[in-house]
PDB file of N, CA and C in Angstrom:
ATOM      1  N   UNK A   1      86.077-101.314 123.871  1.00  0.00           N
ATOM      2  CA  UNK A   1      87.343-101.900 123.812  1.00  0.00           C
ATOM      3  C   UNK A   1      88.318-101.539 122.115  1.00  0.00           C
ATOM      4  N   UNK A   2      89.523-101.022 122.270  1.00  0.00           N
ATOM      5  CA  UNK A   2      89.642-100.325 121.332  1.00  0.00           C
ATOM      6  C   UNK A   2      90.928-101.416 121.480  1.00  0.00           C
ATOM      7  N   UNK A   3      91.392-102.259 121.512  1.00  0.00           N
ATOM      8  CA  UNK A   3      92.441-102.941 120.960  1.00  0.00           C
ATOM      9  C   UNK A   3      92.017-103.815 121.177  1.00  0.00           C
ATOM     10  N   UNK A   4      92.915-105.315 121.047  1.00  0.00           N
ATOM     11  CA  UNK A   4      92.507-106.917 119.942  1.00  0.00           C
ATOM     12  C   UNK A   4      92.646-107.945 121.908  1.00  0.00           C
ATOM     13  N   UNK A   5      91.806-108.225 121.864  1.00  0.00           N
ATOM     14  CA  UNK A   5      92.131-109.588 122.959  1.00  0.00           C
ATOM     15  C   UNK A   5      92.708-110.655 122.396  1.00  0.00           C
ATOM     16  N   UNK A   6      93.554-111.314 123.574  1.00  0.00           N
ATOM     17  CA  UNK A   6      93.896-112.859 123.082  1.00  0.00           C
ATOM     18  C   UNK A   6      92.695-113.879 123.895  1.00  0.00           C
ATOM     19  N   UNK A   7      93.041-114.665 122.826  1.00  0.00           N
ATOM     20  CA  UNK A   7      91.676-115.819 123.306  1.00  0.00           C
ATOM     21  C   UNK A   7      92.857-117.361 123.652  1.00  0.00           C
ATOM     22  N   UNK A   8      92.254-117.967 124.188  1.00  0.00           N
ATOM     23  CA  UNK A   8      92.998-119.533 124.562  1.00  0.00           C
ATOM     24  C   UNK A   8      91.858-119.915 124.690  1.00  0.00           C
ATOM     25  N   UNK A   9      91.923-121.494 123.882  1.00  0.00           N
ATOM     26  CA  UNK A   9      90.639-122.491 123.851  1.00  0.00           C
ATOM     27  C   UNK A   9      90.937-123.278 124.922  1.00  0.00           C
ATOM     28  N   UNK A  10      89.964-123.870 126.028  1.00  0.00           N
ATOM     29  CA  UNK A  10      90.451-125.364 126.961  1.00  0.00           C
ATOM     30  C   UNK A  10      88.837-125.454 126.756  1.00  0.00           C
ATOM     31  N   UNK A  11      89.541-126.732 127.933  1.00  0.00           N
ATOM     32  CA  UNK A  11      87.775-127.346 128.386  1.00  0.00           C
ATOM     33  C   UNK A  11      87.551-127.459 129.600  1.00  0.00           C
ATOM     34  N   UNK A  12      86.016-126.707 129.891  1.00  0.00           N
ATOM     35  CA  UNK A  12      85.730-126.321 130.885  1.00  0.00           C
ATOM     36  C   UNK A  12      85.098-127.192 131.438  1.00  0.00           C
ATOM     37  N   UNK A  13      84.612-128.126 130.710  1.00  0.00           N
ATOM     38  CA  UNK A  13      83.837-129.744 131.986  1.00  0.00           C
ATOM     39  C   UNK A  13      84.457-130.497 130.312  1.00  0.00           C
ATOM     40  N   UNK A  14      84.691-131.894 131.090  1.00  0.00           N
ATOM     41  CA  UNK A  14      84.598-133.217 130.614  1.00  0.00           C
ATOM     42  C   UNK A  14      85.709-133.929 129.811  1.00  0.00           C
ATOM     43  N   UNK A  15      86.396-133.102 129.924  1.00  0.00           N
ATOM     44  CA  UNK A  15      87.345-133.690 129.642  1.00  0.00           C
ATOM     45  C   UNK A  15      88.550-135.219 129.304  1.00  0.00           C
ATOM     46  N   UNK A  16      88.417-136.226 128.132  1.00  0.00           N
ATOM     47  CA  UNK A  16      88.496-137.233 127.972  1.00  0.00           C
ATOM     48  C   UNK A  16      87.603-138.004 127.996  1.00  0.00           C
ATOM     49  N   UNK A  17      85.782-136.927 127.890  1.00  0.00           N
ATOM     50  CA  UNK A  17      84.104-137.372 127.683  1.00  0.00           C
ATOM     51  C   UNK A  17      84.218-137.546 126.036  1.00  0.00           C
ATOM     52  N   UNK A  18      83.185-137.763 125.720  1.00  0.00           N
ATOM     53  CA  UNK A  18      82.198-138.218 124.300  1.00  0.00           C
ATOM     54  C   UNK A  18      82.102-136.797 124.240  1.00  0.00           C
ATOM     55  N   UNK A  19      81.811-135.613 125.381  1.00  0.00           N
ATOM     56  CA  UNK A  19      80.927-134.216 125.105  1.00  0.00           C
ATOM     57  C   UNK A  19      81.406-133.257 125.717  1.00  0.00           C
ATOM     58  N   UNK A  20      82.811-133.209 125.994  1.00  0.00           N
ATOM     59  CA  UNK A  20      83.309-132.351 126.461  1.00  0.00           C
ATOM     60  C   UNK A  20      82.661-131.009 126.464  1.00  0.00           C
ATOM     61  N   UNK A  21      82.996-129.638 127.249  1.00  0.00           N
ATOM     62  CA  UNK A  21      81.941-128.398 127.600  1.00  0.00           C
ATOM     63  C   UNK A  21      83.324-127.750 127.001  1.00  0.00           C
ATOM     64  N   UNK A  22      83.746-126.999 125.846  1.00  0.00           N
ATOM     65  CA  UNK A  22      85.051-126.183 125.715  1.00  0.00           C
ATOM     66  C   UNK A  22      84.672-124.664 125.627  1.00  0.00           C
ATOM     67  N   UNK A  23      85.720-123.847 125.769  1.00  0.00           N
ATOM     68  CA  UNK A  23      85.478-122.742 126.667  1.00  0.00           C
ATOM     69  C   UNK A  23      86.965-121.788 126.027  1.00  0.00           C
ATOM     70  N   UNK A  24      86.942-120.444 125.801  1.00  0.00           N
ATOM     71  CA  UNK A  24      87.365-119.449 124.822  1.00  0.00           C
ATOM     72  C   UNK A  24      87.309-118.146 126.108  1.00  0.00           C
ATOM     73  N   UNK A  25      88.920-118.244 126.548  1.00  0.00           N
ATOM     74  CA  UNK A  25      89.315-117.041 126.957  1.00  0.00           C
ATOM     75  C   UNK A  25      89.840-115.950 127.346  1.00  0.00           C
ATOM     76  N   UNK A  26      88.737-115.150 127.342  1.00  0.00           N
ATOM     77  CA  UNK A  26      89.872-113.700 126.447  1.00  0.00           C
ATOM     78  C   UNK A  26      90.338-112.718 127.703  1.00  0.00           C
ATOM     79  N   UNK A  27      91.363-112.565 126.808  1.00  0.00           N
ATOM     80  CA  UNK A  27      91.944-110.935 128.172  1.00  0.00           C
ATOM     81  C   UNK A  27      93.291-110.479 127.425  1.00  0.00           C
ATOM     82  N   UNK A  28      93.268-109.246 128.215  1.00  0.00           N
ATOM     83  CA  UNK A  28      94.306-108.034 126.931  1.00  0.00           C
ATOM     84  C   UNK A  28      94.914-107.505 128.072  1.00  0.00           C
ATOM     85  N   UNK A  29      96.133-107.414 127.677  1.00  0.00           N
ATOM     86  CA  UNK A  29      97.162-106.463 128.540  1.00  0.00           C
ATOM     87  C   UNK A  29      96.384-105.328 129.092  1.00  0.00           C
ATOM     88  N   UNK A  30      96.612-105.278 130.685  1.00  0.00           N
ATOM     89  CA  UNK A  30      96.190-103.564 131.333  1.00  0.00           C
ATOM     90  C   UNK A  30      94.654-103.567 131.060  1.00  0.00           C
ATOM     91  N   UNK A  31      93.816-103.175 131.130  1.00  0.00           N
ATOM     92  CA  UNK A  31      92.338-102.690 131.883  1.00  0.00           C
ATOM     93  C   UNK A  31      91.636-102.872 130.564  1.00  0.00           C
ATOM     94  N   UNK A  32      90.610-103.961 130.420  1.00  0.00           N
ATOM     95  CA  UNK A  32      89.685-104.170 129.222  1.00  0.00           C
ATOM     96  C   UNK A  32      88.779-103.666 129.592  1.00  0.00           C
ATOM     97  N   UNK A  33      88.665-102.590 130.348  1.00  0.00           N
ATOM     98  CA  UNK A  33      87.837-101.276 129.854  1.00  0.00           C
ATOM     99  C   UNK A  33      87.545 -99.870 131.261  1.00  0.00           C
ATOM    100  N   UNK A  34      88.079 -99.007 130.864  1.00  0.00           N
ATOM    101  CA  UNK A  34      87.915 -98.022 132.348  1.00  0.00           C
ATOM    102  C   UNK A  34      86.507 -96.793 131.550  1.00  0.00           C
ATOM    103  N   UNK A  35      86.235 -96.215 132.937  1.00  0.00           N
ATOM    104  CA  UNK A  35      84.844 -95.785 132.473  1.00  0.00           C
ATOM    105  C   UNK A  35      85.079 -94.393 133.603  1.00  0.00           C
ATOM    106  N   UNK A  36      84.724 -93.067 133.208  1.00  0.00           N
ATOM    107  CA  UNK A  36      85.164 -92.009 134.315  1.00  0.00           C
ATOM    108  C   UNK A  36      83.848 -91.152 134.316  1.00  0.00           C
ATOM    109  N   UNK A  37      83.670 -91.083 134.976  1.00  0.00           N
ATOM    110  CA  UNK A  37      82.271 -89.867 135.415  1.00  0.00           C
ATOM    111  C   UNK A  37      82.550 -88.787 136.404  1.00  0.00           C
ATOM    112  N   UNK A  38      81.711 -87.686 136.106  1.00  0.00           N
ATOM    113  CA  UNK A  38      81.697 -86.398 136.891  1.00  0.00           C
ATOM    114  C   UNK A  38      83.552 -85.625 136.957  1.00  0.00           C
ATOM    115  N   UNK A  39      83.696 -84.564 137.695  1.00  0.00           N
ATOM    116  CA  UNK A  39      84.983 -84.245 137.766  1.00  0.00           C
ATOM    117  C   UNK A  39      86.019 -84.040 139.015  1.00  0.00           C
ATOM    118  N   UNK A  40      86.404 -83.154 139.180  1.00  0.00           N
ATOM    119  CA  UNK A  40      87.297 -82.899 140.548  1.00  0.00           C
ATOM    120  C   UNK A  40      86.909 -84.506 141.182  1.00  0.00           C
ATOM    121  N   UNK A  41      86.604 -83.643 143.019  1.00  0.00           N
ATOM    122  CA  UNK A  41      86.417 -84.134 143.961  1.00  0.00           C
ATOM    123  C   UNK A  41      85.414 -85.621 143.891  1.00  0.00           C
ATOM    124  N   UNK A  42      84.118 -84.986 142.942  1.00  0.00           N
ATOM    125  CA  UNK A  42      82.877 -86.045 142.283  1.00  0.00           C
ATOM    126  C   UNK A  42      83.421 -87.080 141.868  1.00  0.00           C
ATOM    127  N   UNK A  43      85.052 -86.995 141.144  1.00  0.00           N
ATOM    128  CA  UNK A  43      85.382 -88.071 140.259  1.00  0.00           C
ATOM    129  C   UNK A  43      85.515 -89.538 140.237  1.00  0.00           C
ATOM    130  N   UNK A  44      84.620 -90.251 138.718  1.00  0.00           N
ATOM    131  CA  UNK A  44      84.470 -91.609 139.998  1.00  0.00           C
ATOM    132  C   UNK A  44      85.392 -92.293 138.507  1.00  0.00           C
ATOM    133  N   UNK A  45      86.443 -92.991 138.939  1.00  0.00           N
ATOM    134  CA  UNK A  45      86.630 -93.922 137.914  1.00  0.00           C
ATOM    135  C   UNK A  45      86.522 -95.367 137.980  1.00  0.00           C
ATOM    136  N   UNK A  46      86.360 -96.445 137.268  1.00  0.00           N
ATOM    137  CA  UNK A  46      85.802 -98.478 137.312  1.00  0.00           C
ATOM    138  C   UNK A  46      86.593 -97.904 136.032  1.00  0.00           C
ATOM    139  N   UNK A  47      87.542 -99.726 136.343  1.00  0.00           N
ATOM    140  CA  UNK A  47      88.085 -99.908 135.647  1.00  0.00           C
ATOM    141  C   UNK A  47      87.453-101.602 135.834  1.00  0.00           C
ATOM    142  N   UNK A  48      87.726-102.340 134.440  1.00  0.00           N
ATOM    143  CA  UNK A  48      87.451-103.657 134.135  1.00  0.00           C
ATOM    144  C   UNK A  48      89.225-104.320 134.118  1.00  0.00           C
ATOM    145  N   UNK A  49      89.600-105.087 134.959  1.00  0.00           N
ATOM    146  CA  UNK A  49      90.663-105.580 134.085  1.00  0.00           C
ATOM    147  C   UNK A  49      90.722-107.679 134.524  1.00  0.00           C
ATOM    148  N   UNK A  50      91.531-108.099 134.428  1.00  0.00           N
ATOM    149  CA  UNK A  50      91.323-109.799 134.283  1.00  0.00           C
ATOM    150  C   UNK A  50      90.791-110.524 133.326  1.00  0.00           C
ATOM    151  N   UNK A  51      90.104-111.683 132.849  1.00  0.00           N
ATOM    152  CA  UNK A  51      89.995-112.141 132.016  1.00  0.00           C
ATOM    153  C   UNK A  51      88.518-112.302 131.800  1.00  0.00           C
ATOM    154  N   UNK A  52      87.902-113.485 131.035  1.00  0.00           N
ATOM    155  CA  UNK A  52      86.228-114.036 131.448  1.00  0.00           C
ATOM    156  C   UNK A  52      86.263-114.836 130.126  1.00  0.00           C
ATOM    157  N   UNK A  53      85.706-116.059 130.879  1.00  0.00           N
ATOM    158  CA  UNK A  53      86.070-117.236 129.706  1.00  0.00           C
ATOM    159  C   UNK A  53      84.021-117.372 129.642  1.00  0.00           C
ATOM    160  N   UNK A  54      84.020-117.775 127.988  1.00  0.00           N
ATOM    161  CA  UNK A  54      83.156-117.466 127.864  1.00  0.00           C
ATOM    162  C   UNK A  54      82.757-118.934 126.899  1.00  0.00           C
ATOM    163  N   UNK A  55      82.030-120.378 127.399  1.00  0.00           N
ATOM    164  CA  UNK A  55      81.686-121.519 126.667  1.00  0.00           C
ATOM    165  C   UNK A  55      80.980-121.422 125.430  1.00  0.00           C
ATOM    166  N   UNK A  56      81.640-122.099 123.982  1.00  0.00           N
ATOM    167  CA  UNK A  56      82.061-122.072 122.778  1.00  0.00           C
ATOM    168  C   UNK A  56      81.001-123.156 122.028  1.00  0.00           C
ATOM    169  N   UNK A  57      80.132-123.120 121.004  1.00  0.00           N
ATOM    170  CA  UNK A  57      79.496-123.738 120.275  1.00  0.00           C
ATOM    171  C   UNK A  57      79.969-123.700 119.041  1.00  0.00           C
ATOM    172  N   UNK A  58      79.361-124.477 118.310  1.00  0.00           N
ATOM    173  CA  UNK A  58      79.168-125.797 118.311  1.00  0.00           C
ATOM    174  C   UNK A  58      81.159-126.060 117.938  1.00  0.00           C
ATOM    175  N   UNK A  59      81.267-128.058 118.289  1.00  0.00           N
ATOM    176  CA  UNK A  59      82.446-128.031 118.482  1.00  0.00           C
ATOM    177  C   UNK A  59      82.167-129.688 117.452  1.00  0.00           C
ATOM    178  N   UNK A  60      83.685-129.617 117.333  1.00  0.00           N
ATOM    179  CA  UNK A  60      83.772-131.059 116.545  1.00  0.00           C
ATOM    180  C   UNK A  60      83.163-130.952 115.433  1.00  0.00           C
ATOM    181  N   UNK A  61      82.833-129.515 114.932  1.00  0.00           N
ATOM    182  CA  UNK A  61      82.163-129.641 113.732  1.00  0.00           C
ATOM    183  C   UNK A  61      82.775-128.296 112.903  1.00  0.00           C
ATOM    184  N   UNK A  62      82.890-128.435 111.537  1.00  0.00           N
ATOM    185  CA  UNK A  62      83.482-128.060 110.278  1.00  0.00           C
ATOM    186  C   UNK A  62      81.597-126.627 111.017  1.00  0.00           C
ATOM    187  N   UNK A  63      82.029-125.229 110.992  1.00  0.00           N
ATOM    188  CA  UNK A  63      81.057-123.882 110.749  1.00  0.00           C
ATOM    189  C   UNK A  63      81.146-122.848 110.557  1.00  0.00           C
ATOM    190  N   UNK A  64      81.055-121.819 110.114  1.00  0.00           N
ATOM    191  CA  UNK A  64      81.267-120.622 109.139  1.00  0.00           C
ATOM    192  C   UNK A  64      80.817-119.451 110.352  1.00  0.00           C
ATOM    193  N   UNK A  65      80.387-120.087 111.925  1.00  0.00           N
ATOM    194  CA  UNK A  65      79.517-118.751 113.098  1.00  0.00           C
ATOM    195  C   UNK A  65      79.455-120.273 114.345  1.00  0.00           C
ATOM    196  N   UNK A  66      80.283-119.323 115.490  1.00  0.00           N
ATOM    197  CA  UNK A  66      79.981-120.178 116.285  1.00  0.00           C
ATOM    198  C   UNK A  66      79.472-118.899 117.335  1.00  0.00           C
ATOM    199  N   UNK A  67      78.619-119.875 118.724  1.00  0.00           N
ATOM    200  CA  UNK A  67      77.918-118.622 120.026  1.00  0.00           C
ATOM    201  C   UNK A  67      79.604-118.630 120.856  1.00  0.00           C
ATOM    202  N   UNK A  68      79.527-117.588 121.064  1.00  0.00           N
ATOM    203  CA  UNK A  68      80.192-117.681 122.792  1.00  0.00           C
ATOM    204  C   UNK A  68      79.315-117.097 123.607  1.00  0.00           C
ATOM    205  N   UNK A  69      79.026-117.901 125.230  1.00  0.00           N
ATOM    206  CA  UNK A  69      78.283-117.367 126.204  1.00  0.00           C
ATOM    207  C   UNK A  69      78.838-117.428 126.774  1.00  0.00           C
ATOM    208  N   UNK A  70      78.720-116.274 127.543  1.00  0.00           N
ATOM    209  CA  UNK A  70      79.239-115.915 128.937  1.00  0.00           C
ATOM    210  C   UNK A  70      78.216-115.999 129.859  1.00  0.00           C
ATOM    211  N   UNK A  71      78.406-116.577 130.665  1.00  0.00           N
ATOM    212  CA  UNK A  71      77.055-116.307 132.107  1.00  0.00           C
ATOM    213  C   UNK A  71      78.010-115.768 133.602  1.00  0.00           C
ATOM    214  N   UNK A  72      77.104-115.550 134.006  1.00  0.00           N
ATOM    215  CA  UNK A  72      77.764-114.848 136.219  1.00  0.00           C
ATOM    216  C   UNK A  72      76.296-114.736 136.380  1.00  0.00           C
ATOM    217  N   UNK A  73      77.068-115.150 138.002  1.00  0.00           N
ATOM    218  CA  UNK A  73      75.395-114.775 138.621  1.00  0.00           C
ATOM    219  C   UNK A  73      76.429-114.162 140.100  1.00  0.00           C
ATOM    220  N   UNK A  74      75.295-113.496 140.559  1.00  0.00           N
ATOM    221  CA  UNK A  74      76.020-113.157 141.728  1.00  0.00           C
ATOM    222  C   UNK A  74      76.598-111.904 142.175  1.00  0.00           C
ATOM    223  N   UNK A  75      77.371-111.240 140.542  1.00  0.00           N
ATOM    224  CA  UNK A  75      78.638-111.151 140.357  1.00  0.00           C
ATOM    225  C   UNK A  75      79.668-111.810 139.749  1.00  0.00           C
ATOM    226  N   UNK A  76      79.540-113.169 140.002  1.00  0.00           N
ATOM    227  CA  UNK A  76      80.779-114.223 140.051  1.00  0.00           C
ATOM    228  C   UNK A  76      80.395-114.843 138.223  1.00  0.00           C
ATOM    229  N   UNK A  77      81.463-114.527 138.062  1.00  0.00           N
ATOM    230  CA  UNK A  77      81.719-115.467 136.617  1.00  0.00           C
ATOM    231  C   UNK A  77      81.275-116.720 136.422  1.00  0.00           C
ATOM    232  N   UNK A  78      81.191-117.866 135.201  1.00  0.00           N
ATOM    233  CA  UNK A  78      80.684-119.256 135.911  1.00  0.00           C
ATOM    234  C   UNK A  78      81.241-119.534 134.095  1.00  0.00           C
ATOM    235  N   UNK A  79      81.893-120.673 133.832  1.00  0.00           N
ATOM    236  CA  UNK A  79      83.104-120.438 134.552  1.00  0.00           C
ATOM    237  C   UNK A  79      84.420-119.753 135.421  1.00  0.00           C
ATOM    238  N   UNK A  80      84.733-119.651 136.345  1.00  0.00           N
ATOM    239  CA  UNK A  80      86.219-118.638 136.831  1.00  0.00           C
ATOM    240  C   UNK A  80      87.458-119.563 136.391  1.00  0.00           C
ATOM    241  N   UNK A  81      87.389-121.327 136.113  1.00  0.00           N
ATOM    242  CA  UNK A  81      87.812-121.313 135.693  1.00  0.00           C
ATOM    243  C   UNK A  81      88.251-122.945 134.154  1.00  0.00           C
ATOM    244  N   UNK A  82      89.719-122.981 133.819  1.00  0.00           N
ATOM    245  CA  UNK A  82      89.150-124.040 133.022  1.00  0.00           C
ATOM    246  C   UNK A  82      89.172-125.108 133.839  1.00  0.00           C
ATOM    247  N   UNK A  83      88.472-126.327 133.608  1.00  0.00           N
ATOM    248  CA  UNK A  83      89.001-127.442 134.359  1.00  0.00           C
ATOM    249  C   UNK A  83      90.237-127.819 135.337  1.00  0.00           C
ATOM    250  N   UNK A  84      91.329-128.076 134.732  1.00  0.00           N
ATOM    251  CA  UNK A  84      92.541-128.205 135.026  1.00  0.00           C
ATOM    252  C   UNK A  84      93.484-127.092 134.990  1.00  0.00           C
ATOM    253  N   UNK A  85      92.682-125.819 135.398  1.00  0.00           N
ATOM    254  CA  UNK A  85      93.766-124.630 135.497  1.00  0.00           C
ATOM    255  C   UNK A  85      93.056-123.256 136.916  1.00  0.00           C
ATOM    256  N   UNK A  86      93.841-122.419 136.783  1.00  0.00           N
ATOM    257  CA  UNK A  86      93.840-121.611 138.157  1.00  0.00           C
ATOM    258  C   UNK A  86      92.689-120.955 137.821  1.00  0.00           C
ATOM    259  N   UNK A  87      92.088-120.407 139.187  1.00  0.00           N
ATOM    260  CA  UNK A  87      91.245-119.357 138.566  1.00  0.00           C
ATOM    261  C   UNK A  87      91.415-118.073 138.019  1.00  0.00           C
ATOM    262  N   UNK A  88      90.569-117.713 136.539  1.00  0.00           N
ATOM    263  CA  UNK A  88      90.907-116.344 136.278  1.00  0.00           C
ATOM    264  C   UNK A  88      89.834-115.744 135.927  1.00  0.00           C
ATOM    265  N   UNK A  89      89.724-114.765 136.114  1.00  0.00           N
ATOM    266  CA  UNK A  89      88.440-113.782 136.756  1.00  0.00           C
ATOM    267  C   UNK A  89      88.251-112.601 136.142  1.00  0.00           C
ATOM    268  N   UNK A  90      87.708-111.557 136.067  1.00  0.00           N
ATOM    269  CA  UNK A  90      87.411-110.125 136.376  1.00  0.00           C
ATOM    270  C   UNK A  90      86.898-109.577 137.112  1.00  0.00           C
ATOM    271  N   UNK A  91      87.960-108.769 137.801  1.00  0.00           N
ATOM    272  CA  UNK A  91      87.842-107.822 138.419  1.00  0.00           C
ATOM    273  C   UNK A  91      87.736-106.766 138.524  1.00  0.00           C
ATOM    274  N   UNK A  92      86.617-105.327 139.403  1.00  0.00           N
ATOM    275  CA  UNK A  92      85.923-104.348 139.026  1.00  0.00           C
ATOM    276  C   UNK A  92      86.651-103.299 140.380  1.00  0.00           C
ATOM    277  N   UNK A  93      87.709-102.081 140.013  1.00  0.00           N
ATOM    278  CA  UNK A  93      87.916-101.401 141.111  1.00  0.00           C
ATOM    279  C   UNK A  93      87.398-100.080 140.100  1.00  0.00           C
ATOM    280  N   UNK A  94      86.465 -99.826 141.675  1.00  0.00           N
ATOM    281  CA  UNK A  94      86.305 -98.083 141.566  1.00  0.00           C
ATOM    282  C   UNK A  94      87.083 -97.019 142.462  1.00  0.00           C
ATOM    283  N   UNK A  95      87.570 -96.112 141.396  1.00  0.00           N
ATOM    284  CA  UNK A  95      88.115 -94.709 142.436  1.00  0.00           C
ATOM    285  C   UNK A  95      87.329 -93.979 142.754  1.00  0.00           C
ATOM    286  N   UNK A  96      86.948 -93.504 143.917  1.00  0.00           N
ATOM    287  CA  UNK A  96      86.549 -92.117 144.464  1.00  0.00           C
ATOM    288  C   UNK A  96      86.731 -91.575 144.739  1.00  0.00           C
ATOM    289  N   UNK A  97      87.422 -90.016 144.051  1.00  0.00           N
ATOM    290  CA  UNK A  97      87.880 -89.082 145.409  1.00  0.00           C
ATOM    291  C   UNK A  97      89.650 -90.016 145.544  1.00  0.00           C
ATOM    292  N   UNK A  98      89.836 -90.089 146.993  1.00  0.00           N
ATOM    293  CA  UNK A  98      90.958 -90.967 147.400  1.00  0.00           C
ATOM    294  C   UNK A  98      90.712 -92.682 147.870  1.00  0.00           C
ATOM    295  N   UNK A  99      89.535 -92.691 147.367  1.00  0.00           N
ATOM    296  CA  UNK A  99      88.986 -94.426 147.603  1.00  0.00           C
ATOM    297  C   UNK A  99      88.968 -94.932 147.272  1.00  0.00           C
ATOM    298  N   UNK A 100      89.636 -96.399 146.851  1.00  0.00           N
ATOM    299  CA  UNK A 100      89.483 -96.804 146.052  1.00  0.00           C
ATOM    300  C   UNK A 100      88.754 -98.538 145.796  1.00  0.00           C
ATOM    301  N   UNK A 101      87.696 -99.074 145.512  1.00  0.00           N
ATOM    302  CA  UNK A 101      87.222-100.249 146.480  1.00  0.00           C
ATOM    303  C   UNK A 101      87.263-101.241 145.355  1.00  0.00           C
ATOM    304  N   UNK A 102      87.729-102.766 145.016  1.00  0.00           N
ATOM    305  CA  UNK A 102      87.633-103.851 144.704  1.00  0.00           C
ATOM    306  C   UNK A 102      86.833-104.992 144.912  1.00  0.00           C
ATOM    307  N   UNK A 103      86.115-105.427 143.552  1.00  0.00           N
ATOM    308  CA  UNK A 103      85.648-107.078 143.728  1.00  0.00           C
ATOM    309  C   UNK A 103      85.588-107.410 142.413  1.00  0.00           C
ATOM    310  N   UNK A 104      85.451-108.847 142.231  1.00  0.00           N
ATOM    311  CA  UNK A 104      85.311-110.129 141.539  1.00  0.00           C
ATOM    312  C   UNK A 104      83.901-109.410 140.614  1.00  0.00           C
ATOM    313  N   UNK A 105      83.872-109.195 139.684  1.00  0.00           N
ATOM    314  CA  UNK A 105      82.935-108.749 138.445  1.00  0.00           C
ATOM    315  C   UNK A 105      82.335-110.267 137.409  1.00  0.00           C
ATOM    316  N   UNK A 106      81.334-110.097 136.848  1.00  0.00           N
ATOM    317  CA  UNK A 106      80.363-110.857 136.047  1.00  0.00           C
ATOM    318  C   UNK A 106      80.332-110.568 134.364  1.00  0.00           C
ATOM    319  N   UNK A 107      80.111-111.273 133.423  1.00  0.00           N
ATOM    320  CA  UNK A 107      79.786-110.592 132.335  1.00  0.00           C
ATOM    321  C   UNK A 107      78.941-112.383 131.814  1.00  0.00           C
ATOM    322  N   UNK A 108      77.453-111.443 131.485  1.00  0.00           N
ATOM    323  CA  UNK A 108      76.722-112.856 130.907  1.00  0.00           C
ATOM    324  C   UNK A 108      76.465-111.741 129.331  1.00  0.00           C
ATOM    325  N   UNK A 109      76.906-112.387 128.392  1.00  0.00           N
ATOM    326  CA  UNK A 109      76.545-112.271 127.117  1.00  0.00           C
ATOM    327  C   UNK A 109      76.670-113.074 126.446  1.00  0.00           C
ATOM    328  N   UNK A 110      75.903-113.115 125.001  1.00  0.00           N
ATOM    329  CA  UNK A 110      76.181-113.903 123.950  1.00  0.00           C
ATOM    330  C   UNK A 110      76.269-113.687 122.783  1.00  0.00           C
ATOM    331  N   UNK A 111      77.444-113.960 121.984  1.00  0.00           N
ATOM    332  CA  UNK A 111      78.053-113.361 120.807  1.00  0.00           C
ATOM    333  C   UNK A 111      78.836-114.482 120.015  1.00  0.00           C
ATOM    334  N   UNK A 112      77.966-114.172 118.997  1.00  0.00           N
ATOM    335  CA  UNK A 112      78.126-114.934 117.268  1.00  0.00           C
ATOM    336  C   UNK A 112      79.284-114.333 116.646  1.00  0.00           C
ATOM    337  N   UNK A 113      79.987-115.399 116.819  1.00  0.00           N
ATOM    338  CA  UNK A 113      81.799-115.284 116.169  1.00  0.00           C
ATOM    339  C   UNK A 113      81.312-115.824 114.291  1.00  0.00           C
ATOM    340  N   UNK A 114      81.443-114.908 113.720  1.00  0.00           N
ATOM    341  CA  UNK A 114      81.407-115.380 112.073  1.00  0.00           C
ATOM    342  C   UNK A 114      82.591-115.173 111.929  1.00  0.00           C
ATOM    343  N   UNK A 115      83.085-116.771 110.300  1.00  0.00           N
ATOM    344  CA  UNK A 115      84.407-116.551 110.187  1.00  0.00           C
ATOM    345  C   UNK A 115      83.857-116.501 108.646  1.00  0.00           C
ATOM    346  N   UNK A 116      84.708-116.150 107.943  1.00  0.00           N
ATOM    347  CA  UNK A 116      84.839-116.058 105.940  1.00  0.00           C
ATOM    348  C   UNK A 116      85.612-117.644 105.780  1.00  0.00           C
ATOM    349  N   UNK A 117      85.520-118.156 106.489  1.00  0.00           N
ATOM    350  CA  UNK A 117      86.774-120.095 106.495  1.00  0.00           C
ATOM    351  C   UNK A 117      85.897-120.815 107.434  1.00  0.00           C
ATOM    352  N   UNK A 118      85.507-121.764 106.595  1.00  0.00           N
ATOM    353  CA  UNK A 118      85.388-122.523 107.934  1.00  0.00           C
ATOM    354  C   UNK A 118      86.377-123.351 108.652  1.00  0.00           C
ATOM    355  N   UNK A 119      85.766-123.107 110.105  1.00  0.00           N
ATOM    356  CA  UNK A 119      86.710-123.319 111.334  1.00  0.00           C
ATOM    357  C   UNK A 119      85.959-124.909 112.179  1.00  0.00           C
ATOM    358  N   UNK A 120      87.154-125.217 113.128  1.00  0.00           N
ATOM    359  CA  UNK A 120      86.193-126.583 113.659  1.00  0.00           C
ATOM    360  C   UNK A 120      86.944-126.508 114.631  1.00  0.00           C
ATOM    361  N   UNK A 121      86.389-126.705 115.809  1.00  0.00           N
ATOM    362  CA  UNK A 121      87.700-126.932 117.226  1.00  0.00           C
ATOM    363  C   UNK A 121      86.969-128.204 117.640  1.00  0.00           C
ATOM    364  N   UNK A 122      88.318-128.665 117.685  1.00  0.00           N
ATOM    365  CA  UNK A 122      88.145-130.237 117.817  1.00  0.00           C
ATOM    366  C   UNK A 122      88.138-130.541 119.406  1.00  0.00           C
ATOM    367  N   UNK A 123      87.585-131.633 119.836  1.00  0.00           N
ATOM    368  CA  UNK A 123      87.669-131.886 121.303  1.00  0.00           C
ATOM    369  C   UNK A 123      88.074-133.315 121.929  1.00  0.00           C
ATOM    370  N   UNK A 124      88.553-134.044 120.641  1.00  0.00           N
ATOM    371  CA  UNK A 124      88.903-134.816 121.692  1.00  0.00           C
ATOM    372  C   UNK A 124      90.871-135.089 121.907  1.00  0.00           C
ATOM    373  N   UNK A 125      90.859-135.761 122.616  1.00  0.00           N
ATOM    374  CA  UNK A 125      92.465-135.606 123.326  1.00  0.00           C
ATOM    375  C   UNK A 125      93.369-136.652 122.508  1.00  0.00           C
ATOM    376  N   UNK A 126      94.021-136.476 122.698  1.00  0.00           N
ATOM    377  CA  UNK A 126      95.372-137.668 121.669  1.00  0.00           C
ATOM    378  C   UNK A 126      95.917-137.628 122.244  1.00  0.00           C
TER     379      UNK A 126
END
């Protein structure tokens, strides 16, 4: 990826409880990733678009480091939406010659986010 991502914080589950699960929805305008293999009639282009939600921890605590965990199973992202939101997922498209196919995609990764200043993601609904 060569350009910045936009992030939105929301409730994955447990809104209004003492232990909600908070997530970060990452997306950007246009394709998140494009890869090309081969040339001429054998050229294949893979494109991934959409957004992905990962659970973020710790919450309700001042910290310099947070962990963002993305999970997927059988090619589907988990979660696919925030608790009170519409589905917002990754879609991969494969173009081979003149044939294009698309399907949902999933990301499994753990990312450490480091900050120079203390940050806190508040979980209480006011």
